[in-house]
Amino acid sequence: MQGMSERQYAAHVGLSRGAIQKAKETGRLVQHADGSIDAGASDARRVAMTDPAKQRGEAKNALKAPKLKPVPDTALSAVGETLREEGLPTPVTGGGTTFLQAKTANEVLKAQERKLKLAKLKGELIDRDRAVGLVFRLAREERDAWVTWPARAAALMASELVVMIADHGVLEPAMMQKVLEAHVRAQLEGLAKVRSGLE
């Protein structure tokens, strides 16, 4: 046997055996001398002789371009920014976007997620909640240090100014500035120690 039997060809094209027998009778199939069906030539003849509106199976699917479903605008807005950051064309809202564009955006998001996980494993990222807690603690300690600073510094500054007045006989603004700057610098150095302790 050179070609296919009716049953084999029916399975090949996705039709019933009765439909194949009818196609044989109307001359839409190409047969070998032994009566078997030449599949390639028969497929071509059936496509050529059959009305496109009535085609079924592989022949019809070969003629039709694949249809892509539109994606809802709400889904696209979630990935548009990601595509823009990666330099890819952004989805157009209003029904002109395809499933393929949404799938591309999804793959980009998955790649970014993997990149973030890798950066976290390498220690390049820190936990956001922990960072916020540390910043809050630092700000609170700095605030408390500045709130109590005048009471701590006032007595020391007064004693230093008394010595300067005794030496010079008068209190000049430059003397006051010198004493004040010295105490502010000491305060800032103390705050730097608080920061290094938090690290």
C-alpha atoms as a PDB file:
ATOM      1  CA  MET A   1       0.000   0.000   0.000  1.00  0.00           C
ATOM      2  CA  GLN A   2       1.485   3.324  -1.100  1.00  0.00           C
ATOM      3  CA  GLY A   3      -0.790   5.795   0.732  1.00  0.00           C
ATOM      4  CA  MET A   4      -3.276   5.979   3.594  1.00  0.00           C
ATOM      5  CA  SER A   5      -6.485   4.053   4.119  1.00  0.00           C
ATOM      6  CA  GLU A   6      -9.780   5.942   4.523  1.00  0.00           C
ATOM      7  CA  ARG A   7      -9.618   5.476   8.281  1.00  0.00           C
ATOM      8  CA  GLN A   8      -6.006   6.718   8.495  1.00  0.00           C
ATOM      9  CA  TYR A   9      -6.736   9.762   6.328  1.00  0.00           C
ATOM     10  CA  ALA A  10      -9.856  10.577   8.363  1.00  0.00           C
ATOM     11  CA  ALA A  11      -7.723  10.608  11.528  1.00  0.00           C
ATOM     12  CA  HIS A  12      -5.070  12.677   9.704  1.00  0.00           C
ATOM     13  CA  VAL A  13      -7.490  15.484   8.740  1.00  0.00           C
ATOM     14  CA  GLY A  14      -9.811  15.223  11.738  1.00  0.00           C
ATOM     15  CA  LEU A  15     -12.927  14.222   9.766  1.00  0.00           C
ATOM     16  CA  SER A  16     -15.269  11.234   9.903  1.00  0.00           C
ATOM     17  CA  ARG A  17     -14.779   8.246   7.633  1.00  0.00           C
ATOM     18  CA  GLY A  18     -18.109   9.071   5.974  1.00  0.00           C
ATOM     19  CA  ALA A  19     -16.843  12.550   5.075  1.00  0.00           C
ATOM     20  CA  ILE A  20     -13.743  10.996   3.538  1.00  0.00           C
ATOM     21  CA  GLN A  21     -15.866   8.590   1.457  1.00  0.00           C
ATOM     22  CA  LYS A  22     -17.982  11.536   0.273  1.00  0.00           C
ATOM     23  CA  ALA A  23     -14.832  13.481  -0.661  1.00  0.00           C
ATOM     24  CA  LYS A  24     -13.655  10.433  -2.613  1.00  0.00           C
ATOM     25  CA  GLU A  25     -16.910  10.285  -4.555  1.00  0.00           C
ATOM     26  CA  THR A  26     -16.759  14.000  -5.456  1.00  0.00           C
ATOM     27  CA  GLY A  27     -13.143  13.752  -6.616  1.00  0.00           C
ATOM     28  CA  ARG A  28     -11.626  15.918  -3.877  1.00  0.00           C
ATOM     29  CA  LEU A  29      -9.052  13.248  -2.953  1.00  0.00           C
ATOM     30  CA  VAL A  30      -6.043  12.011  -4.905  1.00  0.00           C
ATOM     31  CA  GLN A  31      -5.707   8.226  -4.956  1.00  0.00           C
ATOM     32  CA  HIS A  32      -2.876   5.909  -5.862  1.00  0.00           C
ATOM     33  CA  ALA A  33      -3.359   3.032  -8.315  1.00  0.00           C
ATOM     34  CA  ASP A  34      -4.064   0.620  -5.452  1.00  0.00           C
ATOM     35  CA  GLY A  35      -6.914   2.853  -4.137  1.00  0.00           C
ATOM     36  CA  SER A  36      -4.973   4.250  -1.153  1.00  0.00           C
ATOM     37  CA  ILE A  37      -5.072   8.009  -0.539  1.00  0.00           C
ATOM     38  CA  ASP A  38      -2.129  10.315  -1.330  1.00  0.00           C
ATOM     39  CA  ALA A  39      -2.279  12.487   1.832  1.00  0.00           C
ATOM     40  CA  GLY A  40      -0.197  15.486   0.653  1.00  0.00           C
ATOM     41  CA  ALA A  41      -1.876  15.823  -2.737  1.00  0.00           C
ATOM     42  CA  SER A  42      -5.339  15.220  -1.232  1.00  0.00           C
ATOM     43  CA  ASP A  43      -4.783  17.934   1.412  1.00  0.00           C
ATOM     44  CA  ALA A  44      -3.855  20.444  -1.294  1.00  0.00           C
ATOM     45  CA  ARG A  45      -6.821  19.477  -3.510  1.00  0.00           C
ATOM     46  CA  ARG A  46      -9.291  19.669  -0.599  1.00  0.00           C
ATOM     47  CA  VAL A  47      -8.061  23.141   0.377  1.00  0.00           C
ATOM     48  CA  ALA A  48      -8.333  24.324  -3.226  1.00  0.00           C
ATOM     49  CA  MET A  49     -11.839  22.862  -3.765  1.00  0.00           C
ATOM     50  CA  THR A  50     -13.462  23.583  -0.385  1.00  0.00           C
ATOM     51  CA  ASP A  51     -15.247  26.845   0.452  1.00  0.00           C
ATOM     52  CA  PRO A  52     -13.123  28.580   3.167  1.00  0.00           C
ATOM     53  CA  ALA A  53     -16.255  29.191   5.261  1.00  0.00           C
ATOM     54  CA  LYS A  54     -16.886  25.427   5.405  1.00  0.00           C
ATOM     55  CA  GLN A  55     -13.335  24.215   6.021  1.00  0.00           C
ATOM     56  CA  ARG A  56     -12.546  22.286   9.175  1.00  0.00           C
ATOM     57  CA  GLY A  57      -9.442  20.957  10.864  1.00  0.00           C
ATOM     58  CA  GLU A  58      -5.850  21.680   9.851  1.00  0.00           C
ATOM     59  CA  ALA A  59      -6.619  23.194   6.435  1.00  0.00           C
ATOM     60  CA  LYS A  60      -8.856  25.872   7.939  1.00  0.00           C
ATOM     61  CA  ASN A  61      -6.393  26.596  10.728  1.00  0.00           C
ATOM     62  CA  ALA A  62      -3.560  26.958   8.200  1.00  0.00           C
ATOM     63  CA  LEU A  63      -5.489  29.664   6.325  1.00  0.00           C
ATOM     64  CA  LYS A  64      -6.517  31.666   9.405  1.00  0.00           C
ATOM     65  CA  ALA A  65      -4.090  33.970  11.154  1.00  0.00           C
ATOM     66  CA  PRO A  66      -3.871  33.342  14.902  1.00  0.00           C
ATOM     67  CA  LYS A  67      -6.093  35.637  16.941  1.00  0.00           C
ATOM     68  CA  LEU A  68      -4.668  37.157  20.101  1.00  0.00           C
ATOM     69  CA  LYS A  69      -7.018  38.075  22.933  1.00  0.00           C
ATOM     70  CA  PRO A  70      -7.022  41.675  24.172  1.00  0.00           C
ATOM     71  CA  VAL A  71      -5.879  42.176  27.762  1.00  0.00           C
ATOM     72  CA  PRO A  72      -7.844  44.342  30.238  1.00  0.00           C
ATOM     73  CA  ASP A  73      -6.457  47.861  30.720  1.00  0.00           C
ATOM     74  CA  THR A  74      -6.169  47.360  34.495  1.00  0.00           C
ATOM     75  CA  ALA A  75      -3.770  44.455  33.969  1.00  0.00           C
ATOM     76  CA  LEU A  76      -1.684  46.440  31.479  1.00  0.00           C
ATOM     77  CA  SER A  77      -1.292  49.500  33.693  1.00  0.00           C
ATOM     78  CA  ALA A  78       0.441  47.301  36.271  1.00  0.00           C
ATOM     79  CA  VAL A  79       3.199  46.320  33.834  1.00  0.00           C
ATOM     80  CA  GLY A  80       3.477  49.431  31.637  1.00  0.00           C
ATOM     81  CA  GLU A  81       5.982  51.122  33.939  1.00  0.00           C
ATOM     82  CA  THR A  82       8.151  48.002  34.015  1.00  0.00           C
ATOM     83  CA  LEU A  83       8.273  47.808  30.236  1.00  0.00           C
ATOM     84  CA  ARG A  84       9.129  51.513  30.008  1.00  0.00           C
ATOM     85  CA  GLU A  85      12.051  51.060  32.440  1.00  0.00           C
ATOM     86  CA  GLU A  86      13.402  48.189  30.340  1.00  0.00           C
ATOM     87  CA  GLY A  87      13.124  50.201  27.091  1.00  0.00           C
ATOM     88  CA  LEU A  88      10.404  47.954  25.668  1.00  0.00           C
ATOM     89  CA  PRO A  89       7.285  49.247  23.883  1.00  0.00           C
ATOM     90  CA  THR A  90       4.566  49.964  26.414  1.00  0.00           C
ATOM     91  CA  PRO A  91       1.073  48.516  26.047  1.00  0.00           C
ATOM     92  CA  VAL A  92      -1.533  50.814  24.512  1.00  0.00           C
ATOM     93  CA  THR A  93      -4.703  51.035  26.555  1.00  0.00           C
ATOM     94  CA  GLY A  94      -8.033  50.958  24.775  1.00  0.00           C
ATOM     95  CA  GLY A  95      -8.092  47.415  23.371  1.00  0.00           C
ATOM     96  CA  GLY A  96      -5.042  47.532  21.092  1.00  0.00           C
ATOM     97  CA  THR A  97      -2.810  45.401  23.296  1.00  0.00           C
ATOM     98  CA  THR A  98      -2.286  41.702  22.818  1.00  0.00           C
ATOM     99  CA  PHE A  99      -1.695  38.794  25.136  1.00  0.00           C
ATOM    100  CA  LEU A 100       1.866  38.601  23.791  1.00  0.00           C
ATOM    101  CA  GLN A 101       2.673  42.097  25.116  1.00  0.00           C
ATOM    102  CA  ALA A 102       1.236  41.239  28.524  1.00  0.00           C
ATOM    103  CA  LYS A 103       3.230  37.991  28.575  1.00  0.00           C
ATOM    104  CA  THR A 104       6.420  39.928  27.748  1.00  0.00           C
ATOM    105  CA  ALA A 105       5.714  42.324  30.610  1.00  0.00           C
ATOM    106  CA  ASN A 106       5.121  39.396  32.943  1.00  0.00           C
ATOM    107  CA  GLU A 107       8.481  37.848  31.980  1.00  0.00           C
ATOM    108  CA  VAL A 108      10.234  41.188  32.622  1.00  0.00           C
ATOM    109  CA  LEU A 109       8.632  41.393  36.067  1.00  0.00           C
ATOM    110  CA  LYS A 110       9.707  37.839  36.893  1.00  0.00           C
ATOM    111  CA  ALA A 111      13.283  38.646  35.816  1.00  0.00           C
ATOM    112  CA  GLN A 112      13.306  41.750  38.023  1.00  0.00           C
ATOM    113  CA  GLU A 113      12.007  39.724  40.957  1.00  0.00           C
ATOM    114  CA  ARG A 114      14.798  37.160  40.505  1.00  0.00           C
ATOM    115  CA  LYS A 115      17.341  39.997  40.289  1.00  0.00           C
ATOM    116  CA  LEU A 116      16.096  41.455  43.586  1.00  0.00           C
ATOM    117  CA  LYS A 117      16.241  38.048  45.301  1.00  0.00           C
ATOM    118  CA  LEU A 118      19.819  37.583  44.103  1.00  0.00           C
ATOM    119  CA  ALA A 119      20.817  41.061  45.325  1.00  0.00           C
ATOM    120  CA  LYS A 120      19.289  40.257  48.724  1.00  0.00           C
ATOM    121  CA  LEU A 121      21.213  36.974  48.923  1.00  0.00           C
ATOM    122  CA  LYS A 122      24.441  38.841  48.116  1.00  0.00           C
ATOM    123  CA  GLY A 123      23.734  41.288  50.950  1.00  0.00           C
ATOM    124  CA  GLU A 124      23.257  44.243  48.602  1.00  0.00           C
ATOM    125  CA  LEU A 125      19.714  44.837  49.893  1.00  0.00           C
ATOM    126  CA  ILE A 126      18.452  45.220  53.430  1.00  0.00           C
ATOM    127  CA  ASP A 127      15.088  44.651  55.036  1.00  0.00           C
ATOM    128  CA  ARG A 128      12.963  47.790  54.652  1.00  0.00           C
ATOM    129  CA  ASP A 129      11.266  47.451  58.058  1.00  0.00           C
ATOM    130  CA  ARG A 130      14.635  47.073  59.768  1.00  0.00           C
ATOM    131  CA  ALA A 131      16.029  50.133  57.963  1.00  0.00           C
ATOM    132  CA  VAL A 132      12.988  52.238  58.904  1.00  0.00           C
ATOM    133  CA  GLY A 133      13.357  51.122  62.525  1.00  0.00           C
ATOM    134  CA  LEU A 134      17.049  52.069  62.607  1.00  0.00           C
ATOM    135  CA  VAL A 135      16.407  55.498  61.077  1.00  0.00           C
ATOM    136  CA  PHE A 136      13.606  56.139  63.572  1.00  0.00           C
ATOM    137  CA  ARG A 137      15.863  55.127  66.462  1.00  0.00           C
ATOM    138  CA  LEU A 138      18.691  57.350  65.202  1.00  0.00           C
ATOM    139  CA  ALA A 139      16.380  60.346  64.773  1.00  0.00           C
ATOM    140  CA  ARG A 140      14.943  59.849  68.277  1.00  0.00           C
ATOM    141  CA  GLU A 141      18.395  59.609  69.871  1.00  0.00           C
ATOM    142  CA  GLU A 142      19.604  62.726  68.024  1.00  0.00           C
ATOM    143  CA  ARG A 143      16.496  64.650  69.053  1.00  0.00           C
ATOM    144  CA  ASP A 144      16.929  63.633  72.695  1.00  0.00           C
ATOM    145  CA  ALA A 145      20.612  64.577  72.582  1.00  0.00           C
ATOM    146  CA  TRP A 146      19.843  68.076  71.281  1.00  0.00           C
ATOM    147  CA  VAL A 147      16.946  68.611  73.694  1.00  0.00           C
ATOM    148  CA  THR A 148      19.169  67.925  76.709  1.00  0.00           C
ATOM    149  CA  TRP A 149      22.257  69.651  75.267  1.00  0.00           C
ATOM    150  CA  PRO A 150      21.584  73.237  76.479  1.00  0.00           C
ATOM    151  CA  ALA A 151      21.214  72.115  80.105  1.00  0.00           C
ATOM    152  CA  ARG A 152      24.441  70.106  79.911  1.00  0.00           C
ATOM    153  CA  ALA A 153      26.464  72.716  78.021  1.00  0.00           C
ATOM    154  CA  ALA A 154      25.258  75.838  79.854  1.00  0.00           C
ATOM    155  CA  ALA A 155      27.224  75.289  83.070  1.00  0.00           C
ATOM    156  CA  LEU A 156      30.441  74.401  81.182  1.00  0.00           C
ATOM    157  CA  MET A 157      30.111  77.386  78.873  1.00  0.00           C
ATOM    158  CA  ALA A 158      29.439  79.740  81.790  1.00  0.00           C
ATOM    159  CA  SER A 159      32.572  78.606  83.641  1.00  0.00           C
ATOM    160  CA  GLU A 160      34.714  79.010  80.489  1.00  0.00           C
ATOM    161  CA  LEU A 161      33.278  82.483  79.857  1.00  0.00           C
ATOM    162  CA  VAL A 162      33.992  83.540  83.464  1.00  0.00           C
ATOM    163  CA  VAL A 163      37.646  82.613  82.968  1.00  0.00           C
ATOM    164  CA  MET A 164      37.772  84.581  79.662  1.00  0.00           C
ATOM    165  CA  ILE A 165      36.172  87.643  81.278  1.00  0.00           C
ATOM    166  CA  ALA A 166      38.694  87.470  84.131  1.00  0.00           C
ATOM    167  CA  ASP A 167      41.569  87.313  81.597  1.00  0.00           C
ATOM    168  CA  HIS A 168      40.319  90.050  79.241  1.00  0.00           C
ATOM    169  CA  GLY A 169      38.144  92.155  81.509  1.00  0.00           C
ATOM    170  CA  VAL A 170      35.266  92.162  79.053  1.00  0.00           C
ATOM    171  CA  LEU A 171      33.087  89.591  77.209  1.00  0.00           C
ATOM    172  CA  GLU A 172      33.341  89.987  73.451  1.00  0.00           C
ATOM    173  CA  PRO A 173      31.092  88.265  70.859  1.00  0.00           C
ATOM    174  CA  ALA A 174      34.116  86.426  69.425  1.00  0.00           C
ATOM    175  CA  MET A 175      34.748  84.821  72.835  1.00  0.00           C
ATOM    176  CA  MET A 176      31.155  83.662  73.095  1.00  0.00           C
ATOM    177  CA  GLN A 177      31.300  82.271  69.518  1.00  0.00           C
ATOM    178  CA  LYS A 178      34.529  80.381  70.248  1.00  0.00           C
ATOM    179  CA  VAL A 179      33.070  78.698  73.348  1.00  0.00           C
ATOM    180  CA  LEU A 180      29.765  77.911  71.617  1.00  0.00           C
ATOM    181  CA  GLU A 181      31.480  76.387  68.555  1.00  0.00           C
ATOM    182  CA  ALA A 182      33.655  74.167  70.751  1.00  0.00           C
ATOM    183  CA  HIS A 183      30.612  72.769  72.558  1.00  0.00           C
ATOM    184  CA  VAL A 184      28.603  72.269  69.331  1.00  0.00           C
ATOM    185  CA  ARG A 185      31.525  70.338  67.795  1.00  0.00           C
ATOM    186  CA  ALA A 186      31.736  68.145  70.898  1.00  0.00           C
ATOM    187  CA  GLN A 187      28.004  67.490  70.633  1.00  0.00           C
ATOM    188  CA  LEU A 188      28.279  66.521  66.934  1.00  0.00           C
ATOM    189  CA  GLU A 189      31.160  64.149  67.683  1.00  0.00           C
ATOM    190  CA  GLY A 190      29.000  62.484  70.310  1.00  0.00           C
ATOM    191  CA  LEU A 191      26.190  62.064  67.774  1.00  0.00           C
ATOM    192  CA  ALA A 192      28.615  60.477  65.306  1.00  0.00           C
ATOM    193  CA  LYS A 193      29.296  57.794  67.920  1.00  0.00           C
ATOM    194  CA  VAL A 194      25.551  57.128  68.144  1.00  0.00           C
ATOM    195  CA  ARG A 195      25.441  56.616  64.345  1.00  0.00           C
ATOM    196  CA  SER A 196      28.381  54.198  64.324  1.00  0.00           C
ATOM    197  CA  GLY A 197      26.722  52.226  67.124  1.00  0.00           C
ATOM    198  CA  LEU A 198      23.600  51.815  65.035  1.00  0.00           C
ATOM    199  CA  GLU A 199      25.642  50.458  62.103  1.00  0.00           C
END
